[in-house]
Amino acid sequence: MPESPSPKPQGWDYVIILTVFAFTGTTAAFAPRFLMPLTGLDSGFWYWVVYFVLITPVYQVLLLMYAFLFGKFSYFYEKEKMVFTWIGRKLGLVKATEEG
């Protein structure tokens, strides 16, 4: 039996969702200060390639972590599954179903 989607946000849910994004974005902005020196790269093309490859999964983990702390894990988890399924379909990694 498929899981029921998380309920539509109402009232204060929007404030909590925006707060989760704010905390996640702020933390993700500071994370490279600590993570990038571990790569040994200072600047240039490979710095930015590694930066984006590294920060993308870090952002996703932080998003779910803050969502859990603010009680919105199921909402964000469902949204992330939808986004990654959509990306997978566009890249041909996931087969499209009859529903989508």
Protein backbone atom coordinates (compact mmCIF):
# COMPACT_ATOMS: atom_id res chain seq x y z
CA MET A 1 0.00 0.00 0.00
CA PRO A 2 1.53 3.34 -1.01
CA GLU A 3 2.25 5.86 1.70
CA SER A 4 -0.11 8.77 1.93
CA PRO A 5 1.54 12.05 1.00
CA SER A 6 2.31 14.43 3.80
CA PRO A 7 -0.56 16.81 4.52
CA LYS A 8 -0.61 20.19 2.83
CA PRO A 9 1.12 22.82 5.00
CA GLN A 10 -1.15 25.25 6.82
CA GLY A 11 -0.58 28.36 8.91
CA TRP A 12 2.58 28.07 10.98
CA ASP A 13 3.81 25.16 8.86
CA TYR A 14 4.94 27.69 6.27
CA VAL A 15 7.00 29.56 8.85
CA ILE A 16 8.60 26.31 9.99
CA ILE A 17 9.35 25.25 6.40
CA LEU A 18 10.96 28.60 5.61
CA THR A 19 12.94 28.38 8.86
CA VAL A 20 14.23 24.94 7.87
CA PHE A 21 15.38 26.33 4.52
CA ALA A 22 17.01 29.31 6.24
CA PHE A 23 18.95 27.17 8.69
CA THR A 24 19.95 24.73 5.95
CA GLY A 25 21.11 27.46 3.59
CA THR A 26 23.08 29.24 6.27
CA THR A 27 24.78 26.06 7.41
CA ALA A 28 25.49 25.02 3.81
CA ALA A 29 27.05 28.43 3.16
CA PHE A 30 29.48 27.96 6.07
CA ALA A 31 30.20 24.25 5.49
CA PRO A 32 32.67 24.79 2.60
CA ARG A 33 34.88 26.87 4.89
CA PHE A 34 35.58 23.69 6.81
CA LEU A 35 35.22 21.08 4.04
CA MET A 36 37.11 22.61 1.12
CA PRO A 37 40.49 22.93 2.90
CA LEU A 38 40.34 19.13 3.33
CA THR A 39 40.46 18.77 -0.47
CA GLY A 40 43.70 20.76 -0.79
CA LEU A 41 42.22 22.98 -3.50
CA ASP A 42 42.36 26.77 -3.21
CA SER A 43 40.72 28.02 -6.40
CA GLY A 44 40.25 27.31 -10.06
CA PHE A 45 38.08 25.02 -12.13
CA TRP A 46 38.53 21.87 -10.04
CA TYR A 47 37.85 23.79 -6.83
CA TRP A 48 34.37 24.67 -8.10
CA VAL A 49 33.69 21.19 -9.49
CA VAL A 50 34.60 19.61 -6.16
CA TYR A 51 32.68 22.35 -4.33
CA PHE A 52 29.41 21.59 -6.14
CA VAL A 53 29.86 17.83 -5.99
CA LEU A 54 30.58 18.05 -2.27
CA ILE A 55 28.03 20.64 -1.19
CA THR A 56 25.05 19.11 -3.03
CA PRO A 57 24.77 15.97 -0.86
CA VAL A 58 25.78 17.95 2.23
CA TYR A 59 22.85 20.31 1.61
CA GLN A 60 20.42 17.39 1.24
CA VAL A 61 21.58 15.82 4.50
CA LEU A 62 21.41 19.15 6.32
CA LEU A 63 17.91 19.77 4.95
CA LEU A 64 16.63 16.47 6.32
CA MET A 65 18.48 16.98 9.60
CA TYR A 66 16.91 20.39 10.22
CA ALA A 67 13.54 19.10 9.01
CA PHE A 68 13.74 16.36 11.62
CA LEU A 69 14.67 18.84 14.36
CA PHE A 70 11.71 21.06 13.44
CA GLY A 71 9.26 18.15 13.09
CA LYS A 72 8.86 18.33 9.31
CA PHE A 73 10.94 15.33 8.26
CA SER A 74 8.13 13.50 6.45
CA TYR A 75 7.21 16.63 4.47
CA PHE A 76 10.78 17.27 3.28
CA TYR A 77 11.54 13.58 2.73
CA GLU A 78 8.55 13.24 0.41
CA LYS A 79 9.55 16.38 -1.49
CA GLU A 80 13.14 15.17 -1.88
CA LYS A 81 11.96 11.80 -3.18
CA MET A 82 9.81 13.59 -5.76
CA VAL A 83 12.69 15.83 -6.87
CA PHE A 84 15.21 12.99 -7.16
CA THR A 85 12.70 10.83 -9.03
CA TRP A 86 12.08 13.69 -11.45
CA ILE A 87 15.83 14.20 -11.95
CA GLY A 88 16.29 10.46 -12.43
CA ARG A 89 13.60 10.42 -15.12
CA LYS A 90 15.13 13.38 -16.93
CA LEU A 91 18.55 11.69 -16.91
CA GLY A 92 17.04 8.37 -17.95
CA LEU A 93 18.06 6.66 -14.71
CA VAL A 94 14.49 5.97 -13.58
CA LYS A 95 11.77 4.62 -15.86
CA ALA A 96 8.65 6.75 -16.12
CA THR A 97 5.51 5.15 -14.72
CA GLU A 98 2.03 5.39 -16.15
CA GLU A 99 1.07 7.81 -13.35
CA GLY A 100 3.77 10.38 -14.08
